[in-house]
Amino acid sequence: MKKKNLLIIALSLLMLGVFTGEAYSFRNGAPAGKSGGAGEATCATSSCHAGALNSGPGTLTINSNAPGGVYTPGDTYLVTVRLAQTGISRFGFEVLAAFSPLVSKSVGFLNLTNSGETKLLTSGLRKYVTHTSSGTLGTNFFEWDFEWKAPDTGVGDVQFFVAGNAANNNGNKTGDLIYSQSLTLTQLPVGTNVALANPTLEVYPSFASTSAFLHLENAGLSPLQVQVLNQNGQVVQLMRILPAGTDVHRKIDLSGLATGVYYVRVLGNSGLLSDKFVKFE
């Protein structure tokens, strides 16, 4: 009986070591194929971690410095992933990087900006960026970034799929919260004139109640992103103009906005332009 009890204890410890070891092994990077995009599962929908996807109070974002979400073939862009959740001190992530649905593979070149906190993975025709063990500890949030160089030949839109783990640091599968997000960058049409000299922006009238208008001269033919921001810097309206055309007129609907001062920003390959107006009843 004593030997039987010892055997049961030994087997229990062995199984605990297996499951705990599996959870700890992901501290040095997620396994390839867990981004949640392009037909892939996430760690919430596979055997890595328990819990429903995007069910927690945290936020996962992925952004780039490509103007207006448009990339130029051959140029290099910074991609930033941020995972935040109050009370969490260990974080992880994985990005399926620059996946082109047109050719069904990752395109371009990836460069790590911090090789101590991130690393590259390759699985077949797909490329990934994930965390290292040094890139997991933070107070309430963690942020990772990397560079992507677009291929010289156009491959259409590219997608970045990211899954993030806000971990409770208990060393096993339970209690962690998994999030997913994506970013799409649109290719600048080949042969497009990216900008003309001295673009100008005018928003009128300066005081408006129901509608305002923007007039952009010398806009070039590159795509533009138009943002309307409140006094707190929050984007309350977003428009994309693709392609822009050299002379642009657009109506801004103010019916859903509270009274106050608003700022209009236009982002494109020619830089940043801004103007403001006042909404009144």
C-alpha atoms as a PDB file:
ATOM      1  CA  MET A   1       0.000   0.000   0.000  1.00  0.00           C
ATOM      2  CA  LYS A   2       2.852   2.369   0.894  1.00  0.00           C
ATOM      3  CA  LYS A   3       4.546   1.733  -2.459  1.00  0.00           C
ATOM      4  CA  LYS A   4       1.242   2.293  -4.273  1.00  0.00           C
ATOM      5  CA  ASN A   5       0.752   5.655  -2.538  1.00  0.00           C
ATOM      6  CA  LEU A   6       4.307   6.712  -3.396  1.00  0.00           C
ATOM      7  CA  LEU A   7       3.693   5.774  -7.029  1.00  0.00           C
ATOM      8  CA  ILE A   8       0.507   7.886  -7.140  1.00  0.00           C
ATOM      9  CA  ILE A   9       2.343  10.854  -5.609  1.00  0.00           C
ATOM     10  CA  ALA A  10       5.205  10.495  -8.085  1.00  0.00           C
ATOM     11  CA  LEU A  11       2.835  10.367 -11.055  1.00  0.00           C
ATOM     12  CA  SER A  12       0.947  13.396  -9.768  1.00  0.00           C
ATOM     13  CA  LEU A  13       4.147  15.388  -9.437  1.00  0.00           C
ATOM     14  CA  LEU A  14       5.191  14.322 -12.916  1.00  0.00           C
ATOM     15  CA  MET A  15       1.894  15.477 -14.456  1.00  0.00           C
ATOM     16  CA  LEU A  16       2.089  18.773 -12.534  1.00  0.00           C
ATOM     17  CA  GLY A  17       5.578  19.282 -13.914  1.00  0.00           C
ATOM     18  CA  VAL A  18       4.410  18.598 -17.450  1.00  0.00           C
ATOM     19  CA  PHE A  19       1.555  21.104 -17.346  1.00  0.00           C
ATOM     20  CA  THR A  20       3.479  23.730 -15.404  1.00  0.00           C
ATOM     21  CA  GLY A  21       6.493  23.291 -17.660  1.00  0.00           C
ATOM     22  CA  GLU A  22       4.324  23.763 -20.752  1.00  0.00           C
ATOM     23  CA  ALA A  23       2.947  27.035 -19.416  1.00  0.00           C
ATOM     24  CA  TYR A  24       6.389  28.276 -18.420  1.00  0.00           C
ATOM     25  CA  SER A  25       7.880  27.304 -21.800  1.00  0.00           C
ATOM     26  CA  PHE A  26       5.838  30.018 -23.544  1.00  0.00           C
ATOM     27  CA  ARG A  27       7.557  32.734 -21.508  1.00  0.00           C
ATOM     28  CA  ASN A  28      10.301  32.670 -24.121  1.00  0.00           C
ATOM     29  CA  GLY A  29       7.919  33.115 -27.028  1.00  0.00           C
ATOM     30  CA  ALA A  30       4.617  31.851 -28.368  1.00  0.00           C
ATOM     31  CA  PRO A  31       4.648  28.905 -30.775  1.00  0.00           C
ATOM     32  CA  ALA A  32       4.187  29.797 -34.444  1.00  0.00           C
ATOM     33  CA  GLY A  33       0.651  29.705 -35.778  1.00  0.00           C
ATOM     34  CA  LYS A  34      -1.194  31.270 -32.800  1.00  0.00           C
ATOM     35  CA  SER A  35      -1.897  34.758 -34.201  1.00  0.00           C
ATOM     36  CA  GLY A  36      -5.638  34.301 -34.675  1.00  0.00           C
ATOM     37  CA  GLY A  37      -5.527  35.457 -38.314  1.00  0.00           C
ATOM     38  CA  ALA A  38      -5.419  33.903 -41.789  1.00  0.00           C
ATOM     39  CA  GLY A  39      -6.969  30.661 -40.565  1.00  0.00           C
ATOM     40  CA  GLU A  40      -4.866  30.372 -37.404  1.00  0.00           C
ATOM     41  CA  ALA A  41      -6.114  29.743 -33.869  1.00  0.00           C
ATOM     42  CA  THR A  42      -5.097  31.739 -30.805  1.00  0.00           C
ATOM     43  CA  CYS A  43      -3.904  30.396 -27.468  1.00  0.00           C
ATOM     44  CA  ALA A  44      -7.487  30.851 -26.241  1.00  0.00           C
ATOM     45  CA  THR A  45      -8.917  28.588 -28.937  1.00  0.00           C
ATOM     46  CA  SER A  46      -6.174  25.943 -28.802  1.00  0.00           C
ATOM     47  CA  SER A  47      -4.644  24.066 -25.860  1.00  0.00           C
ATOM     48  CA  CYS A  48      -2.206  26.773 -24.729  1.00  0.00           C
ATOM     49  CA  HIS A  49      -4.412  28.761 -22.325  1.00  0.00           C
ATOM     50  CA  ALA A  50      -7.934  28.519 -20.959  1.00  0.00           C
ATOM     51  CA  GLY A  51     -10.510  31.304 -21.214  1.00  0.00           C
ATOM     52  CA  ALA A  52     -12.639  32.975 -23.883  1.00  0.00           C
ATOM     53  CA  LEU A  53     -11.011  35.212 -26.497  1.00  0.00           C
ATOM     54  CA  ASN A  54     -11.324  38.998 -25.935  1.00  0.00           C
ATOM     55  CA  SER A  55     -13.326  38.481 -22.743  1.00  0.00           C
ATOM     56  CA  GLY A  56     -11.133  40.538 -20.408  1.00  0.00           C
ATOM     57  CA  PRO A  57     -11.007  44.246 -19.499  1.00  0.00           C
ATOM     58  CA  GLY A  58      -7.658  44.864 -21.203  1.00  0.00           C
ATOM     59  CA  THR A  59      -6.854  46.421 -24.574  1.00  0.00           C
ATOM     60  CA  LEU A  60      -4.621  45.179 -27.387  1.00  0.00           C
ATOM     61  CA  THR A  61      -3.591  47.548 -30.189  1.00  0.00           C
ATOM     62  CA  ILE A  62      -1.365  47.302 -33.240  1.00  0.00           C
ATOM     63  CA  ASN A  63      -0.390  50.413 -35.195  1.00  0.00           C
ATOM     64  CA  SER A  64       2.161  51.575 -37.730  1.00  0.00           C
ATOM     65  CA  ASN A  65       3.645  54.880 -38.848  1.00  0.00           C
ATOM     66  CA  ALA A  66       2.495  54.330 -42.437  1.00  0.00           C
ATOM     67  CA  PRO A  67       0.689  57.606 -43.288  1.00  0.00           C
ATOM     68  CA  GLY A  68      -3.038  57.043 -43.460  1.00  0.00           C
ATOM     69  CA  GLY A  69      -2.514  53.280 -43.301  1.00  0.00           C
ATOM     70  CA  VAL A  70      -0.939  53.297 -46.776  1.00  0.00           C
ATOM     71  CA  TYR A  71       2.486  51.836 -47.561  1.00  0.00           C
ATOM     72  CA  THR A  72       4.861  52.568 -50.441  1.00  0.00           C
ATOM     73  CA  PRO A  73       6.688  49.549 -51.952  1.00  0.00           C
ATOM     74  CA  GLY A  74      10.337  49.521 -50.822  1.00  0.00           C
ATOM     75  CA  ASP A  75       9.820  51.786 -47.778  1.00  0.00           C
ATOM     76  CA  THR A  76      10.352  50.761 -44.140  1.00  0.00           C
ATOM     77  CA  TYR A  77       7.740  51.222 -41.405  1.00  0.00           C
ATOM     78  CA  LEU A  78       7.615  50.831 -37.636  1.00  0.00           C
ATOM     79  CA  VAL A  79       4.919  48.520 -36.255  1.00  0.00           C
ATOM     80  CA  THR A  80       3.991  48.821 -32.561  1.00  0.00           C
ATOM     81  CA  VAL A  81       2.011  46.358 -30.438  1.00  0.00           C
ATOM     82  CA  ARG A  82       0.662  47.422 -27.034  1.00  0.00           C
ATOM     83  CA  LEU A  83      -1.144  45.217 -24.511  1.00  0.00           C
ATOM     84  CA  ALA A  84      -2.567  46.847 -21.387  1.00  0.00           C
ATOM     85  CA  GLN A  85      -4.545  45.528 -18.451  1.00  0.00           C
ATOM     86  CA  THR A  86      -4.657  46.940 -14.925  1.00  0.00           C
ATOM     87  CA  GLY A  87      -3.144  44.687 -12.279  1.00  0.00           C
ATOM     88  CA  ILE A  88      -1.190  42.521 -14.740  1.00  0.00           C
ATOM     89  CA  SER A  89       2.601  42.265 -14.633  1.00  0.00           C
ATOM     90  CA  ARG A  90       3.379  39.625 -17.282  1.00  0.00           C
ATOM     91  CA  PHE A  91       2.488  39.930 -20.949  1.00  0.00           C
ATOM     92  CA  GLY A  92       3.130  38.066 -24.181  1.00  0.00           C
ATOM     93  CA  PHE A  93       2.258  38.376 -27.874  1.00  0.00           C
ATOM     94  CA  GLU A  94       2.650  36.988 -31.359  1.00  0.00           C
ATOM     95  CA  VAL A  95       2.225  38.742 -34.726  1.00  0.00           C
ATOM     96  CA  LEU A  96       1.716  37.073 -38.065  1.00  0.00           C
ATOM     97  CA  ALA A  97       3.557  39.767 -39.978  1.00  0.00           C
ATOM     98  CA  ALA A  98       2.823  41.281 -43.383  1.00  0.00           C
ATOM     99  CA  PHE A  99       0.594  38.509 -44.676  1.00  0.00           C
ATOM    100  CA  SER A 100      -0.561  39.120 -48.241  1.00  0.00           C
ATOM    101  CA  PRO A 101      -3.855  37.406 -49.137  1.00  0.00           C
ATOM    102  CA  LEU A 102      -2.931  37.945 -52.795  1.00  0.00           C
ATOM    103  CA  VAL A 103       0.062  35.573 -52.628  1.00  0.00           C
ATOM    104  CA  SER A 104      -0.875  33.708 -49.393  1.00  0.00           C
ATOM    105  CA  LYS A 105       2.395  34.355 -47.580  1.00  0.00           C
ATOM    106  CA  SER A 106       4.297  36.916 -45.518  1.00  0.00           C
ATOM    107  CA  VAL A 107       6.033  39.493 -47.701  1.00  0.00           C
ATOM    108  CA  GLY A 108       8.833  41.996 -47.241  1.00  0.00           C
ATOM    109  CA  PHE A 109      11.546  41.938 -44.585  1.00  0.00           C
ATOM    110  CA  LEU A 110      11.324  42.081 -40.781  1.00  0.00           C
ATOM    111  CA  ASN A 111      13.872  43.785 -38.539  1.00  0.00           C
ATOM    112  CA  LEU A 112      13.900  43.609 -34.743  1.00  0.00           C
ATOM    113  CA  THR A 113      14.320  46.966 -33.025  1.00  0.00           C
ATOM    114  CA  ASN A 114      14.931  45.264 -29.655  1.00  0.00           C
ATOM    115  CA  SER A 115      16.294  41.726 -29.977  1.00  0.00           C
ATOM    116  CA  GLY A 116      16.365  41.392 -26.201  1.00  0.00           C
ATOM    117  CA  GLU A 117      12.580  41.578 -25.945  1.00  0.00           C
ATOM    118  CA  THR A 118      11.435  40.155 -29.303  1.00  0.00           C
ATOM    119  CA  LYS A 119      12.434  37.409 -31.702  1.00  0.00           C
ATOM    120  CA  LEU A 120      11.521  36.131 -35.168  1.00  0.00           C
ATOM    121  CA  LEU A 121       9.846  32.854 -36.083  1.00  0.00           C
ATOM    122  CA  THR A 122       9.255  31.259 -39.475  1.00  0.00           C
ATOM    123  CA  SER A 123       6.768  28.533 -40.288  1.00  0.00           C
ATOM    124  CA  GLY A 124       6.498  27.630 -43.953  1.00  0.00           C
ATOM    125  CA  LEU A 125       5.742  30.823 -45.886  1.00  0.00           C
ATOM    126  CA  ARG A 126       4.681  32.760 -42.779  1.00  0.00           C
ATOM    127  CA  LYS A 127       6.820  35.034 -40.610  1.00  0.00           C
ATOM    128  CA  TYR A 128       6.141  35.916 -36.986  1.00  0.00           C
ATOM    129  CA  VAL A 129       7.368  38.229 -34.249  1.00  0.00           C
ATOM    130  CA  THR A 130       6.945  37.150 -30.634  1.00  0.00           C
ATOM    131  CA  HIS A 131       8.278  37.998 -27.165  1.00  0.00           C
ATOM    132  CA  THR A 132      11.324  36.660 -25.363  1.00  0.00           C
ATOM    133  CA  SER A 133      11.419  35.984 -21.622  1.00  0.00           C
ATOM    134  CA  SER A 134      12.962  39.451 -21.155  1.00  0.00           C
ATOM    135  CA  GLY A 135      10.078  41.062 -23.015  1.00  0.00           C
ATOM    136  CA  THR A 136       7.222  39.994 -20.744  1.00  0.00           C
ATOM    137  CA  LEU A 137       7.439  41.859 -17.415  1.00  0.00           C
ATOM    138  CA  GLY A 138       5.689  45.230 -17.115  1.00  0.00           C
ATOM    139  CA  THR A 139       3.377  47.157 -14.825  1.00  0.00           C
ATOM    140  CA  ASN A 140      -0.161  47.265 -16.253  1.00  0.00           C
ATOM    141  CA  PHE A 141       1.101  47.208 -19.862  1.00  0.00           C
ATOM    142  CA  PHE A 142       3.894  46.184 -22.211  1.00  0.00           C
ATOM    143  CA  GLU A 143       4.814  47.534 -25.629  1.00  0.00           C
ATOM    144  CA  TRP A 144       6.823  45.874 -28.391  1.00  0.00           C
ATOM    145  CA  ASP A 145       7.823  47.174 -31.816  1.00  0.00           C
ATOM    146  CA  PHE A 146       9.610  46.003 -34.949  1.00  0.00           C
ATOM    147  CA  GLU A 147      10.302  47.264 -38.465  1.00  0.00           C
ATOM    148  CA  TRP A 148       8.790  46.002 -41.685  1.00  0.00           C
ATOM    149  CA  LYS A 149      10.306  46.802 -45.073  1.00  0.00           C
ATOM    150  CA  ALA A 150       7.734  46.548 -47.838  1.00  0.00           C
ATOM    151  CA  PRO A 151       8.761  44.562 -50.920  1.00  0.00           C
ATOM    152  CA  ASP A 152       9.833  46.533 -53.976  1.00  0.00           C
ATOM    153  CA  THR A 153       7.162  44.923 -56.108  1.00  0.00           C
ATOM    154  CA  GLY A 154       3.560  45.468 -55.112  1.00  0.00           C
ATOM    155  CA  VAL A 155       1.647  42.599 -53.521  1.00  0.00           C
ATOM    156  CA  GLY A 156      -1.542  44.460 -52.622  1.00  0.00           C
ATOM    157  CA  ASP A 157      -2.827  44.931 -49.089  1.00  0.00           C
ATOM    158  CA  VAL A 158      -0.864  43.338 -46.244  1.00  0.00           C
ATOM    159  CA  GLN A 159      -2.259  42.244 -42.896  1.00  0.00           C
ATOM    160  CA  PHE A 160      -0.723  42.005 -39.451  1.00  0.00           C
ATOM    161  CA  PHE A 161      -2.584  39.671 -37.067  1.00  0.00           C
ATOM    162  CA  VAL A 162      -1.675  39.829 -33.376  1.00  0.00           C
ATOM    163  CA  ALA A 163      -2.683  37.798 -30.332  1.00  0.00           C
ATOM    164  CA  GLY A 164      -1.717  38.956 -26.842  1.00  0.00           C
ATOM    165  CA  ASN A 165      -1.697  37.280 -23.438  1.00  0.00           C
ATOM    166  CA  ALA A 166      -2.302  39.215 -20.208  1.00  0.00           C
ATOM    167  CA  ALA A 167      -1.044  36.511 -17.851  1.00  0.00           C
ATOM    168  CA  ASN A 168      -1.822  36.068 -14.164  1.00  0.00           C
ATOM    169  CA  ASN A 169       1.690  34.624 -13.660  1.00  0.00           C
ATOM    170  CA  ASN A 170       0.540  31.484 -11.837  1.00  0.00           C
ATOM    171  CA  GLY A 171       2.561  29.164 -14.075  1.00  0.00           C
ATOM    172  CA  ASN A 172      -0.332  27.222 -15.593  1.00  0.00           C
ATOM    173  CA  LYS A 173      -3.009  27.544 -18.270  1.00  0.00           C
ATOM    174  CA  THR A 174      -5.816  28.970 -16.155  1.00  0.00           C
ATOM    175  CA  GLY A 175      -6.630  32.600 -15.427  1.00  0.00           C
ATOM    176  CA  ASP A 176      -4.830  34.188 -18.382  1.00  0.00           C
ATOM    177  CA  LEU A 177      -6.715  36.514 -20.740  1.00  0.00           C
ATOM    178  CA  ILE A 178      -6.100  36.300 -24.489  1.00  0.00           C
ATOM    179  CA  TYR A 179      -6.819  39.173 -26.900  1.00  0.00           C
ATOM    180  CA  SER A 180      -6.634  39.497 -30.688  1.00  0.00           C
ATOM    181  CA  GLN A 181      -6.391  42.420 -33.079  1.00  0.00           C
ATOM    182  CA  SER A 182      -5.342  43.153 -36.661  1.00  0.00           C
ATOM    183  CA  LEU A 183      -3.889  45.884 -38.854  1.00  0.00           C
ATOM    184  CA  THR A 184      -4.253  46.255 -42.629  1.00  0.00           C
ATOM    185  CA  LEU A 185      -1.928  48.427 -44.699  1.00  0.00           C
ATOM    186  CA  THR A 186      -3.027  49.412 -48.192  1.00  0.00           C
ATOM    187  CA  GLN A 187      -0.503  49.532 -51.017  1.00  0.00           C
ATOM    188  CA  LEU A 188       0.043  52.882 -52.689  1.00  0.00           C
ATOM    189  CA  PRO A 189      -0.852  52.362 -56.365  1.00  0.00           C
ATOM    190  CA  VAL A 190       2.245  51.885 -58.507  1.00  0.00           C
ATOM    191  CA  GLY A 191       3.105  55.009 -60.486  1.00  0.00           C
ATOM    192  CA  THR A 192       1.056  57.296 -58.228  1.00  0.00           C
ATOM    193  CA  ASN A 193       2.324  60.817 -57.742  1.00  0.00           C
ATOM    194  CA  VAL A 194       2.785  60.865 -53.963  1.00  0.00           C
ATOM    195  CA  ALA A 195       2.518  64.614 -53.342  1.00  0.00           C
ATOM    196  CA  LEU A 196       2.521  68.040 -54.895  1.00  0.00           C
ATOM    197  CA  ALA A 197       4.317  71.063 -53.476  1.00  0.00           C
ATOM    198  CA  ASN A 198       2.812  73.166 -50.673  1.00  0.00           C
ATOM    199  CA  PRO A 199      -0.520  71.463 -49.919  1.00  0.00           C
ATOM    200  CA  THR A 200      -2.981  73.666 -48.016  1.00  0.00           C
ATOM    201  CA  LEU A 201      -6.005  72.883 -45.837  1.00  0.00           C
ATOM    202  CA  GLU A 202      -9.009  75.084 -45.093  1.00  0.00           C
ATOM    203  CA  VAL A 203     -11.969  74.132 -42.875  1.00  0.00           C
ATOM    204  CA  TYR A 204     -15.023  76.386 -43.186  1.00  0.00           C
ATOM    205  CA  PRO A 205     -17.096  77.939 -41.779  1.00  0.00           C
ATOM    206  CA  SER A 206     -15.141  78.586 -38.578  1.00  0.00           C
ATOM    207  CA  PHE A 207     -18.401  78.393 -36.594  1.00  0.00           C
ATOM    208  CA  ALA A 208     -20.859  75.703 -37.696  1.00  0.00           C
ATOM    209  CA  SER A 209     -23.904  73.903 -36.304  1.00  0.00           C
ATOM    210  CA  THR A 210     -24.795  71.031 -38.660  1.00  0.00           C
ATOM    211  CA  SER A 211     -22.048  70.757 -41.263  1.00  0.00           C
ATOM    212  CA  ALA A 212     -18.507  71.942 -41.927  1.00  0.00           C
ATOM    213  CA  PHE A 213     -16.415  71.531 -45.069  1.00  0.00           C
ATOM    214  CA  LEU A 214     -12.778  70.893 -45.777  1.00  0.00           C
ATOM    215  CA  HIS A 215     -10.942  72.120 -48.842  1.00  0.00           C
ATOM    216  CA  LEU A 216      -7.524  70.670 -49.618  1.00  0.00           C
ATOM    217  CA  GLU A 217      -5.451  72.143 -52.446  1.00  0.00           C
ATOM    218  CA  ASN A 218      -2.346  70.544 -54.027  1.00  0.00           C
ATOM    219  CA  ALA A 219      -3.171  67.295 -52.243  1.00  0.00           C
ATOM    220  CA  GLY A 220      -1.333  65.078 -54.697  1.00  0.00           C
ATOM    221  CA  LEU A 221      -2.699  61.688 -55.712  1.00  0.00           C
ATOM    222  CA  SER A 222      -1.720  59.709 -52.628  1.00  0.00           C
ATOM    223  CA  PRO A 223      -4.380  58.366 -50.213  1.00  0.00           C
ATOM    224  CA  LEU A 224      -5.280  60.559 -47.250  1.00  0.00           C
ATOM    225  CA  GLN A 225      -6.661  60.006 -43.775  1.00  0.00           C
ATOM    226  CA  VAL A 226      -8.858  62.775 -42.326  1.00  0.00           C
ATOM    227  CA  GLN A 227      -9.347  62.869 -38.546  1.00  0.00           C
ATOM    228  CA  VAL A 228     -11.711  65.054 -36.527  1.00  0.00           C
ATOM    229  CA  LEU A 229     -10.547  65.375 -32.901  1.00  0.00           C
ATOM    230  CA  ASN A 230     -12.177  66.880 -29.834  1.00  0.00           C
ATOM    231  CA  GLN A 231     -10.394  69.067 -27.280  1.00  0.00           C
ATOM    232  CA  ASN A 232      -9.182  65.970 -25.420  1.00  0.00           C
ATOM    233  CA  GLY A 233      -7.367  64.717 -28.525  1.00  0.00           C
ATOM    234  CA  GLN A 234      -9.843  61.883 -29.112  1.00  0.00           C
ATOM    235  CA  VAL A 235     -10.682  60.988 -32.715  1.00  0.00           C
ATOM    236  CA  VAL A 236     -14.459  61.381 -33.092  1.00  0.00           C
ATOM    237  CA  GLN A 237     -14.656  61.029 -36.878  1.00  0.00           C
ATOM    238  CA  LEU A 238     -12.418  59.315 -39.414  1.00  0.00           C
ATOM    239  CA  MET A 239     -12.452  59.463 -43.213  1.00  0.00           C
ATOM    240  CA  ARG A 240     -10.234  57.903 -45.857  1.00  0.00           C
ATOM    241  CA  ILE A 241      -9.851  59.490 -49.281  1.00  0.00           C
ATOM    242  CA  LEU A 242      -8.341  57.066 -51.803  1.00  0.00           C
ATOM    243  CA  PRO A 243      -6.959  58.377 -54.084  1.00  0.00           C
ATOM    244  CA  ALA A 244      -7.029  61.984 -52.950  1.00  0.00           C
ATOM    245  CA  GLY A 245      -6.924  63.954 -56.180  1.00  0.00           C
ATOM    246  CA  THR A 246      -5.185  67.315 -56.418  1.00  0.00           C
ATOM    247  CA  ASP A 247      -8.182  69.343 -55.224  1.00  0.00           C
ATOM    248  CA  VAL A 248     -10.346  67.829 -52.482  1.00  0.00           C
ATOM    249  CA  HIS A 249     -13.694  68.970 -51.032  1.00  0.00           C
ATOM    250  CA  ARG A 250     -15.410  66.994 -48.293  1.00  0.00           C
ATOM    251  CA  LYS A 251     -18.409  67.559 -46.022  1.00  0.00           C
ATOM    252  CA  ILE A 252     -18.088  66.925 -42.275  1.00  0.00           C
ATOM    253  CA  ASP A 253     -21.329  65.937 -40.565  1.00  0.00           C
ATOM    254  CA  LEU A 254     -21.572  67.605 -37.138  1.00  0.00           C
ATOM    255  CA  SER A 255     -24.966  66.247 -36.086  1.00  0.00           C
ATOM    256  CA  GLY A 256     -23.514  63.747 -33.627  1.00  0.00           C
ATOM    257  CA  LEU A 257     -20.976  66.095 -32.055  1.00  0.00           C
ATOM    258  CA  ALA A 258     -21.343  68.061 -28.839  1.00  0.00           C
ATOM    259  CA  THR A 259     -20.710  71.806 -28.810  1.00  0.00           C
ATOM    260  CA  GLY A 260     -17.073  72.842 -28.535  1.00  0.00           C
ATOM    261  CA  VAL A 261     -13.815  73.275 -30.411  1.00  0.00           C
ATOM    262  CA  TYR A 262     -12.742  70.571 -32.870  1.00  0.00           C
ATOM    263  CA  TYR A 263      -9.541  70.009 -34.829  1.00  0.00           C
ATOM    264  CA  VAL A 264      -9.236  68.531 -38.314  1.00  0.00           C
ATOM    265  CA  ARG A 265      -6.036  66.672 -39.208  1.00  0.00           C
ATOM    266  CA  VAL A 266      -5.124  65.409 -42.653  1.00  0.00           C
ATOM    267  CA  LEU A 267      -2.386  62.789 -42.830  1.00  0.00           C
ATOM    268  CA  GLY A 268      -0.687  61.695 -46.031  1.00  0.00           C
ATOM    269  CA  ASN A 269       2.679  61.236 -47.701  1.00  0.00           C
ATOM    270  CA  SER A 270       3.043  65.009 -47.855  1.00  0.00           C
ATOM    271  CA  GLY A 271       2.961  65.214 -44.039  1.00  0.00           C
ATOM    272  CA  LEU A 272       0.414  66.546 -41.573  1.00  0.00           C
ATOM    273  CA  LEU A 273      -2.014  69.444 -42.057  1.00  0.00           C
ATOM    274  CA  SER A 274      -4.441  70.772 -39.465  1.00  0.00           C
ATOM    275  CA  ASP A 275      -7.192  73.352 -38.953  1.00  0.00           C
ATOM    276  CA  LYS A 276     -10.033  73.853 -36.456  1.00  0.00           C
ATOM    277  CA  PHE A 277     -13.671  74.904 -36.169  1.00  0.00           C
ATOM    278  CA  VAL A 278     -16.243  75.526 -33.425  1.00  0.00           C
ATOM    279  CA  LYS A 279     -19.472  73.513 -33.199  1.00  0.00           C
ATOM    280  CA  PHE A 280     -22.462  75.394 -31.748  1.00  0.00           C
ATOM    281  CA  GLU A 281     -26.161  74.586 -31.381  1.00  0.00           C
END
